[in-house]
Amino acid sequence: MMRAFDLIQSVQASGSELERGFSPQNAANSIHELPDFEKKLGLEPGADLDAETAFLLRRADADAELRQADPMPTPPPGVRPGSPAYRVYREEAYQGMQMQLNSMRAQLREYNEMKRQQVEKQIKEAEEYKKGVASAAPAPDRRANSA
């Protein structure tokens, strides 16, 4: 409770940015007020957070577009279900969906292969670490306990 009170007082004492007027110099000063901000959040020092956020949003939009399934096209006007023309339309639509499915399966295989390689690498590193720890430990004395 006391900590929140101290924080409020320090903010009121420093004044708001509107009162001080925003300028690059004031912005640079406000960064120095919290020098460990980037370290606490695990960010690279001097990273442009807006550019990084924009990049991630663009990538998320592109991923969302890939995930959107193309709807089956509407049949040509005047085509009734059960007619030969409808069967041709349906077959063409199924072929398009089959191509999408095959593409998605290939992407999934690539992803699973990548994950498998990562896991194998982690297992190999863990085994090497265990070997290093075991070799660093002193060998036990093997003296006979009988007299």
N, C-alpha and C. Protein backbone atom coordinates (compact mmCIF):
# COMPACT_ATOMS: atom_id res chain seq x y z
N MET A 1 0.83 -1.19 0.00
CA MET A 1 0.00 0.00 0.00
C MET A 1 0.87 1.24 0.00
N MET A 2 1.90 1.20 0.82
CA MET A 2 2.79 2.35 0.90
C MET A 2 3.53 2.55 -0.41
N ARG A 3 3.86 1.48 -1.07
CA ARG A 3 4.61 1.57 -2.32
C ARG A 3 3.78 2.27 -3.40
N ALA A 4 2.51 1.94 -3.50
CA ALA A 4 1.63 2.59 -4.48
C ALA A 4 1.51 4.07 -4.17
N PHE A 5 1.43 4.40 -2.89
CA PHE A 5 1.33 5.79 -2.49
C PHE A 5 2.58 6.56 -2.90
N ASP A 6 3.75 5.97 -2.68
CA ASP A 6 5.01 6.61 -3.07
C ASP A 6 5.08 6.80 -4.58
N LEU A 7 4.61 5.83 -5.34
CA LEU A 7 4.62 5.92 -6.79
C LEU A 7 3.72 7.06 -7.26
N ILE A 8 2.55 7.17 -6.67
CA ILE A 8 1.63 8.25 -7.05
C ILE A 8 2.25 9.61 -6.75
N GLN A 9 2.88 9.72 -5.60
CA GLN A 9 3.50 11.00 -5.24
C GLN A 9 4.64 11.34 -6.20
N SER A 10 5.43 10.34 -6.59
CA SER A 10 6.54 10.63 -7.49
C SER A 10 6.04 11.05 -8.87
N VAL A 11 4.94 10.46 -9.33
CA VAL A 11 4.38 10.84 -10.62
C VAL A 11 3.83 12.24 -10.55
N GLN A 12 3.13 12.56 -9.46
CA GLN A 12 2.58 13.90 -9.33
C GLN A 12 3.68 14.93 -9.19
N ALA A 13 4.76 14.59 -8.52
CA ALA A 13 5.86 15.53 -8.33
C ALA A 13 6.58 15.80 -9.65
N SER A 14 6.70 14.77 -10.50
CA SER A 14 7.41 14.96 -11.76
C SER A 14 6.57 15.70 -12.78
N GLY A 15 5.26 15.68 -12.62
CA GLY A 15 4.38 16.35 -13.57
C GLY A 15 4.11 15.46 -14.76
N SER A 16 3.02 15.71 -15.42
CA SER A 16 2.68 14.88 -16.58
C SER A 16 3.42 15.38 -17.81
N GLU A 17 3.44 14.57 -18.86
CA GLU A 17 4.10 14.97 -20.10
C GLU A 17 3.40 16.15 -20.74
N LEU A 18 2.10 16.25 -20.54
CA LEU A 18 1.38 17.38 -21.12
C LEU A 18 1.83 18.69 -20.48
N GLU A 19 2.09 18.67 -19.17
CA GLU A 19 2.53 19.88 -18.50
C GLU A 19 3.95 20.23 -18.90
N ARG A 20 4.82 19.21 -19.03
CA ARG A 20 6.21 19.46 -19.38
C ARG A 20 6.36 19.76 -20.87
N GLY A 21 5.41 19.30 -21.67
CA GLY A 21 5.54 19.44 -23.12
C GLY A 21 6.35 18.28 -23.65
N PHE A 22 5.86 17.61 -24.67
CA PHE A 22 6.58 16.46 -25.20
C PHE A 22 7.66 16.92 -26.16
N SER A 23 8.82 16.41 -25.98
CA SER A 23 9.93 16.67 -26.89
C SER A 23 10.83 15.44 -26.85
N PRO A 24 11.65 15.24 -27.87
CA PRO A 24 12.57 14.10 -27.84
C PRO A 24 13.49 14.12 -26.63
N GLN A 25 13.85 15.34 -26.19
CA GLN A 25 14.73 15.44 -25.02
C GLN A 25 14.01 14.93 -23.77
N ASN A 26 12.72 15.30 -23.60
CA ASN A 26 11.96 14.80 -22.47
C ASN A 26 11.78 13.28 -22.57
N ALA A 27 11.59 12.79 -23.78
CA ALA A 27 11.44 11.35 -23.97
C ALA A 27 12.73 10.64 -23.59
N ALA A 28 13.87 11.20 -23.96
CA ALA A 28 15.16 10.60 -23.61
C ALA A 28 15.34 10.61 -22.09
N ASN A 29 14.91 11.69 -21.44
CA ASN A 29 15.02 11.74 -19.98
C ASN A 29 14.13 10.70 -19.32
N SER A 30 12.94 10.47 -19.87
CA SER A 30 12.04 9.50 -19.25
C SER A 30 12.58 8.08 -19.39
N ILE A 31 13.37 7.82 -20.42
CA ILE A 31 13.97 6.49 -20.57
C ILE A 31 14.98 6.26 -19.47
N HIS A 32 15.72 7.28 -19.12
CA HIS A 32 16.74 7.14 -18.09
C HIS A 32 16.14 6.99 -16.70
N GLU A 33 14.87 7.31 -16.55
CA GLU A 33 14.23 7.16 -15.25
C GLU A 33 14.10 5.69 -14.88
N LEU A 34 13.94 4.81 -15.87
CA LEU A 34 13.85 3.37 -15.63
C LEU A 34 14.94 2.66 -16.44
N PRO A 35 16.16 2.68 -15.97
CA PRO A 35 17.26 2.12 -16.78
C PRO A 35 17.16 0.60 -16.95
N ASP A 36 16.51 -0.10 -16.04
CA ASP A 36 16.43 -1.57 -16.12
C ASP A 36 15.17 -2.05 -16.81
N PHE A 37 14.42 -1.14 -17.42
CA PHE A 37 13.16 -1.50 -18.06
C PHE A 37 13.35 -2.59 -19.10
N GLU A 38 14.30 -2.40 -19.99
CA GLU A 38 14.52 -3.37 -21.06
C GLU A 38 15.00 -4.70 -20.51
N LYS A 39 15.88 -4.66 -19.51
CA LYS A 39 16.41 -5.89 -18.94
C LYS A 39 15.31 -6.68 -18.22
N LYS A 40 14.42 -5.98 -17.52
CA LYS A 40 13.35 -6.66 -16.79
C LYS A 40 12.39 -7.38 -17.73
N LEU A 41 12.17 -6.80 -18.91
CA LEU A 41 11.25 -7.41 -19.86
C LEU A 41 11.95 -8.32 -20.85
N GLY A 42 13.27 -8.45 -20.76
CA GLY A 42 14.01 -9.33 -21.65
C GLY A 42 14.13 -8.78 -23.06
N LEU A 43 14.18 -7.46 -23.19
CA LEU A 43 14.29 -6.83 -24.51
C LEU A 43 15.74 -6.46 -24.77
N GLU A 44 16.07 -6.36 -26.05
CA GLU A 44 17.40 -5.90 -26.41
C GLU A 44 17.49 -4.40 -26.14
N PRO A 45 18.60 -3.93 -25.60
CA PRO A 45 18.74 -2.49 -25.35
C PRO A 45 18.66 -1.70 -26.66
N GLY A 46 17.87 -0.67 -26.68
CA GLY A 46 17.74 0.20 -27.84
C GLY A 46 16.85 -0.35 -28.94
N ALA A 47 16.12 -1.43 -28.68
CA ALA A 47 15.26 -2.01 -29.71
C ALA A 47 14.07 -1.09 -29.96
N ASP A 48 13.66 -0.99 -31.21
CA ASP A 48 12.51 -0.19 -31.58
C ASP A 48 11.26 -1.05 -31.38
N LEU A 49 10.56 -0.82 -30.30
CA LEU A 49 9.41 -1.67 -29.95
C LEU A 49 8.26 -1.50 -30.93
N ASP A 50 8.07 -0.30 -31.46
CA ASP A 50 6.98 -0.09 -32.42
C ASP A 50 7.22 -0.87 -33.70
N ALA A 51 8.46 -0.87 -34.19
CA ALA A 51 8.77 -1.61 -35.42
C ALA A 51 8.61 -3.11 -35.19
N GLU A 52 9.04 -3.57 -34.02
CA GLU A 52 8.92 -5.00 -33.71
C GLU A 52 7.46 -5.41 -33.60
N THR A 53 6.65 -4.57 -32.97
CA THR A 53 5.22 -4.85 -32.84
C THR A 53 4.55 -4.86 -34.20
N ALA A 54 4.89 -3.90 -35.04
CA ALA A 54 4.30 -3.84 -36.39
C ALA A 54 4.68 -5.07 -37.20
N PHE A 55 5.93 -5.51 -37.08
CA PHE A 55 6.37 -6.70 -37.80
C PHE A 55 5.58 -7.93 -37.33
N LEU A 56 5.43 -8.07 -36.03
CA LEU A 56 4.70 -9.22 -35.50
C LEU A 56 3.24 -9.19 -35.90
N LEU A 57 2.63 -8.01 -35.94
CA LEU A 57 1.24 -7.91 -36.37
C LEU A 57 1.09 -8.27 -37.84
N ARG A 58 2.03 -7.82 -38.68
CA ARG A 58 1.98 -8.19 -40.11
C ARG A 58 2.12 -9.69 -40.28
N ARG A 59 3.04 -10.28 -39.52
CA ARG A 59 3.25 -11.73 -39.61
C ARG A 59 2.02 -12.48 -39.12
N ALA A 60 1.38 -12.00 -38.08
CA ALA A 60 0.16 -12.65 -37.57
C ALA A 60 -0.96 -12.55 -38.59
N ASP A 61 -1.07 -11.39 -39.26
CA ASP A 61 -2.10 -11.25 -40.30
C ASP A 61 -1.84 -12.20 -41.46
N ALA A 62 -0.58 -12.34 -41.85
CA ALA A 62 -0.25 -13.26 -42.95
C ALA A 62 -0.56 -14.70 -42.55
N ASP A 63 -0.23 -15.05 -41.30
CA ASP A 63 -0.54 -16.41 -40.83
C ASP A 63 -2.04 -16.64 -40.78
N ALA A 64 -2.79 -15.63 -40.38
CA ALA A 64 -4.25 -15.78 -40.33
C ALA A 64 -4.82 -15.96 -41.73
N GLU A 65 -4.25 -15.26 -42.71
CA GLU A 65 -4.72 -15.44 -44.09
C GLU A 65 -4.45 -16.86 -44.57
N LEU A 66 -3.30 -17.41 -44.18
CA LEU A 66 -2.99 -18.77 -44.59
C LEU A 66 -3.95 -19.78 -43.96
N ARG A 67 -4.35 -19.48 -42.74
CA ARG A 67 -5.25 -20.40 -42.04
C ARG A 67 -6.68 -20.34 -42.54
N GLN A 68 -7.03 -19.23 -43.17
CA GLN A 68 -8.39 -19.09 -43.67
C GLN A 68 -8.60 -20.06 -44.83
N ALA A 69 -9.54 -20.93 -44.67
CA ALA A 69 -9.85 -21.87 -45.74
C ALA A 69 -10.66 -21.16 -46.82
N ASP A 70 -10.24 -21.36 -48.04
CA ASP A 70 -11.01 -20.78 -49.13
C ASP A 70 -12.34 -21.51 -49.20
N PRO A 71 -13.43 -20.76 -49.18
CA PRO A 71 -14.72 -21.44 -49.24
C PRO A 71 -14.93 -22.07 -50.62
N MET A 72 -15.76 -23.05 -50.63
CA MET A 72 -16.06 -23.71 -51.90
C MET A 72 -16.75 -22.68 -52.79
N PRO A 73 -16.31 -22.55 -54.02
CA PRO A 73 -16.92 -21.54 -54.90
C PRO A 73 -18.40 -21.85 -55.12
N THR A 74 -19.14 -20.81 -55.35
CA THR A 74 -20.57 -21.02 -55.60
C THR A 74 -20.76 -21.64 -56.98
N PRO A 75 -21.73 -22.51 -57.10
CA PRO A 75 -21.95 -23.14 -58.41
C PRO A 75 -22.44 -22.11 -59.42
N PRO A 76 -22.19 -22.38 -60.67
CA PRO A 76 -22.66 -21.45 -61.70
C PRO A 76 -24.19 -21.32 -61.64
N PRO A 77 -24.71 -20.19 -62.04
CA PRO A 77 -26.17 -20.02 -61.98
C PRO A 77 -26.88 -21.02 -62.90
N GLY A 78 -27.98 -21.50 -62.41
CA GLY A 78 -28.80 -22.41 -63.19
C GLY A 78 -28.39 -23.87 -63.06
N VAL A 79 -27.40 -24.18 -62.24
CA VAL A 79 -26.95 -25.57 -62.07
C VAL A 79 -27.68 -26.15 -60.87
N ARG A 80 -28.37 -27.25 -61.10
CA ARG A 80 -29.13 -27.90 -60.02
C ARG A 80 -28.30 -29.04 -59.43
N PRO A 81 -28.43 -29.24 -58.12
CA PRO A 81 -27.75 -30.40 -57.51
C PRO A 81 -28.24 -31.69 -58.17
N GLY A 82 -27.32 -32.57 -58.45
CA GLY A 82 -27.65 -33.84 -59.07
C GLY A 82 -27.48 -33.83 -60.58
N SER A 83 -27.37 -32.67 -61.17
CA SER A 83 -27.20 -32.61 -62.63
C SER A 83 -25.75 -32.89 -62.99
N PRO A 84 -25.47 -33.30 -64.23
CA PRO A 84 -24.08 -33.56 -64.64
C PRO A 84 -23.18 -32.33 -64.49
N ALA A 85 -23.71 -31.15 -64.76
CA ALA A 85 -22.91 -29.93 -64.62
C ALA A 85 -22.54 -29.68 -63.15
N TYR A 86 -23.44 -30.01 -62.24
CA TYR A 86 -23.16 -29.85 -60.81
C TYR A 86 -22.07 -30.83 -60.37
N ARG A 87 -22.10 -32.04 -60.90
CA ARG A 87 -21.08 -33.03 -60.56
C ARG A 87 -19.70 -32.55 -61.02
N VAL A 88 -19.64 -31.95 -62.21
CA VAL A 88 -18.37 -31.41 -62.71
C VAL A 88 -17.89 -30.28 -61.79
N TYR A 89 -18.80 -29.40 -61.41
CA TYR A 89 -18.46 -28.29 -60.51
C TYR A 89 -17.95 -28.84 -59.18
N ARG A 90 -18.66 -29.81 -58.62
CA ARG A 90 -18.29 -30.39 -57.33
C ARG A 90 -16.92 -31.06 -57.42
N GLU A 91 -16.65 -31.77 -58.50
CA GLU A 91 -15.36 -32.44 -58.67
C GLU A 91 -14.22 -31.43 -58.74
N GLU A 92 -14.43 -30.32 -59.45
CA GLU A 92 -13.41 -29.28 -59.52
C GLU A 92 -13.16 -28.65 -58.14
N ALA A 93 -14.23 -28.42 -57.41
CA ALA A 93 -14.09 -27.86 -56.06
C ALA A 93 -13.34 -28.83 -55.16
N TYR A 94 -13.65 -30.12 -55.24
CA TYR A 94 -12.97 -31.12 -54.41
C TYR A 94 -11.49 -31.22 -54.78
N GLN A 95 -11.17 -31.08 -56.06
CA GLN A 95 -9.76 -31.12 -56.46
C GLN A 95 -8.99 -29.95 -55.85
N GLY A 96 -9.60 -28.77 -55.85
CA GLY A 96 -8.96 -27.60 -55.23
C GLY A 96 -8.76 -27.80 -53.74
N MET A 97 -9.77 -28.34 -53.07
CA MET A 97 -9.64 -28.59 -51.63
C MET A 97 -8.61 -29.68 -51.37
N GLN A 98 -8.51 -30.68 -52.24
CA GLN A 98 -7.52 -31.74 -52.08
C GLN A 98 -6.10 -31.19 -52.21
N MET A 99 -5.91 -30.25 -53.14
CA MET A 99 -4.60 -29.61 -53.29
C MET A 99 -4.24 -28.82 -52.03
N GLN A 100 -5.21 -28.11 -51.47
CA GLN A 100 -4.96 -27.38 -50.22
C GLN A 100 -4.61 -28.34 -49.10
N LEU A 101 -5.32 -29.44 -49.02
CA LEU A 101 -5.07 -30.42 -47.98
C LEU A 101 -3.67 -31.01 -48.11
N ASN A 102 -3.28 -31.35 -49.33
CA ASN A 102 -1.93 -31.89 -49.55
C ASN A 102 -0.86 -30.88 -49.18
N SER A 103 -1.09 -29.61 -49.50
CA SER A 103 -0.15 -28.56 -49.14
C SER A 103 -0.04 -28.44 -47.62
N MET A 104 -1.15 -28.47 -46.94
CA MET A 104 -1.14 -28.36 -45.48
C MET A 104 -0.47 -29.57 -44.86
N ARG A 105 -0.66 -30.74 -45.42
CA ARG A 105 0.01 -31.95 -44.91
C ARG A 105 1.52 -31.83 -45.07
N ALA A 106 1.96 -31.30 -46.22
CA ALA A 106 3.40 -31.12 -46.44
C ALA A 106 3.98 -30.12 -45.43
N GLN A 107 3.26 -29.04 -45.17
CA GLN A 107 3.72 -28.06 -44.18
C GLN A 107 3.79 -28.69 -42.80
N LEU A 108 2.81 -29.51 -42.48
CA LEU A 108 2.81 -30.17 -41.18
C LEU A 108 3.97 -31.15 -41.06
N ARG A 109 4.27 -31.89 -42.14
CA ARG A 109 5.42 -32.80 -42.12
C ARG A 109 6.71 -32.03 -41.91
N GLU A 110 6.87 -30.90 -42.60
CA GLU A 110 8.07 -30.08 -42.43
C GLU A 110 8.18 -29.56 -41.00
N TYR A 111 7.07 -29.12 -40.45
CA TYR A 111 7.07 -28.62 -39.08
C TYR A 111 7.44 -29.72 -38.10
N ASN A 112 6.85 -30.90 -38.27
CA ASN A 112 7.15 -32.02 -37.37
C ASN A 112 8.60 -32.44 -37.48
N GLU A 113 9.16 -32.43 -38.69
CA GLU A 113 10.57 -32.77 -38.88
C GLU A 113 11.46 -31.76 -38.18
N MET A 114 11.12 -30.47 -38.30
CA MET A 114 11.89 -29.43 -37.64
C MET A 114 11.85 -29.61 -36.12
N LYS A 115 10.66 -29.88 -35.59
CA LYS A 115 10.52 -30.09 -34.14
C LYS A 115 11.30 -31.32 -33.69
N ARG A 116 11.25 -32.39 -34.49
CA ARG A 116 11.97 -33.62 -34.15
C ARG A 116 13.47 -33.34 -34.07
N GLN A 117 14.00 -32.57 -35.02
CA GLN A 117 15.41 -32.24 -35.02
C GLN A 117 15.78 -31.39 -33.80
N GLN A 118 14.89 -30.47 -33.43
CA GLN A 118 15.15 -29.66 -32.24
C GLN A 118 15.19 -30.51 -30.99
N VAL A 119 14.26 -31.45 -30.87
CA VAL A 119 14.22 -32.32 -29.70
C VAL A 119 15.46 -33.19 -29.66
N GLU A 120 15.86 -33.74 -30.80
CA GLU A 120 17.07 -34.57 -30.85
C GLU A 120 18.29 -33.76 -30.44
N LYS A 121 18.35 -32.51 -30.89
CA LYS A 121 19.47 -31.65 -30.53
C LYS A 121 19.49 -31.39 -29.02
N GLN A 122 18.31 -31.14 -28.44
CA GLN A 122 18.23 -30.90 -27.00
C GLN A 122 18.63 -32.15 -26.22
N ILE A 123 18.21 -33.32 -26.70
CA ILE A 123 18.58 -34.56 -26.02
C ILE A 123 20.08 -34.78 -26.09
N LYS A 124 20.67 -34.51 -27.25
CA LYS A 124 22.11 -34.67 -27.43
C LYS A 124 22.87 -33.72 -26.50
N GLU A 125 22.40 -32.47 -26.41
CA GLU A 125 23.04 -31.49 -25.53
C GLU A 125 22.92 -31.91 -24.07
N ALA A 126 21.77 -32.47 -23.69
CA ALA A 126 21.57 -32.93 -22.32
C ALA A 126 22.50 -34.09 -22.00
N GLU A 127 22.67 -35.01 -22.96
CA GLU A 127 23.58 -36.14 -22.75
C GLU A 127 25.02 -35.67 -22.61
N GLU A 128 25.42 -34.70 -23.44
CA GLU A 128 26.77 -34.16 -23.35
C GLU A 128 26.98 -33.46 -22.02
N TYR A 129 25.95 -32.76 -21.55
CA TYR A 129 26.04 -32.08 -20.25
C TYR A 129 26.20 -33.10 -19.14
N LYS A 130 25.42 -34.19 -19.20
CA LYS A 130 25.53 -35.23 -18.18
C LYS A 130 26.91 -35.87 -18.18
N LYS A 131 27.46 -36.10 -19.38
CA LYS A 131 28.81 -36.66 -19.47
C LYS A 131 29.83 -35.72 -18.86
N GLY A 132 29.66 -34.42 -19.14
CA GLY A 132 30.58 -33.43 -18.58
C GLY A 132 30.49 -33.36 -17.07
N VAL A 133 29.29 -33.45 -16.53
CA VAL A 133 29.11 -33.41 -15.07
C VAL A 133 29.68 -34.68 -14.45
N ALA A 134 29.45 -35.81 -15.09
CA ALA A 134 29.94 -37.08 -14.56
C ALA A 134 31.46 -37.13 -14.59
N SER A 135 32.08 -36.59 -15.62
CA SER A 135 33.54 -36.62 -15.70
C SER A 135 34.17 -35.60 -14.76
N ALA A 136 33.45 -34.56 -14.41
CA ALA A 136 33.97 -33.53 -13.52
C ALA A 136 33.91 -33.97 -12.06
N ALA A 137 33.04 -34.92 -11.74
CA ALA A 137 32.92 -35.39 -10.36
C ALA A 137 34.12 -36.25 -10.03
N PRO A 138 34.63 -36.16 -8.80
CA PRO A 138 35.79 -36.98 -8.43
C PRO A 138 35.39 -38.46 -8.36
N ALA A 139 36.31 -39.29 -8.74
CA ALA A 139 36.07 -40.74 -8.71
C ALA A 139 36.06 -41.20 -7.26
N PRO A 140 35.12 -42.08 -6.91
CA PRO A 140 35.07 -42.56 -5.51
C PRO A 140 36.25 -43.46 -5.20
N ASP A 141 36.65 -43.44 -3.94
CA ASP A 141 37.72 -44.34 -3.50
C ASP A 141 37.20 -45.77 -3.50
N ARG A 142 38.02 -46.68 -4.04
CA ARG A 142 37.59 -48.08 -4.11
C ARG A 142 38.50 -48.93 -3.23
N ARG A 143 38.52 -48.59 -2.02
CA ARG A 143 39.32 -49.38 -1.06
C ARG A 143 38.47 -50.49 -0.48
N ALA A 144 39.09 -51.51 -0.14
CA ALA A 144 38.37 -52.62 0.47
C ALA A 144 38.02 -52.24 1.91
N ASN A 145 36.79 -52.54 2.26
CA ASN A 145 36.32 -52.21 3.61
C ASN A 145 36.63 -53.33 4.62
N SER A 146 37.22 -54.42 4.14
CA SER A 146 37.52 -55.52 5.06
C SER A 146 38.97 -55.42 5.51
N ALA A 147 39.22 -55.92 6.68
CA ALA A 147 40.57 -55.85 7.20
C ALA A 147 41.26 -57.17 7.20
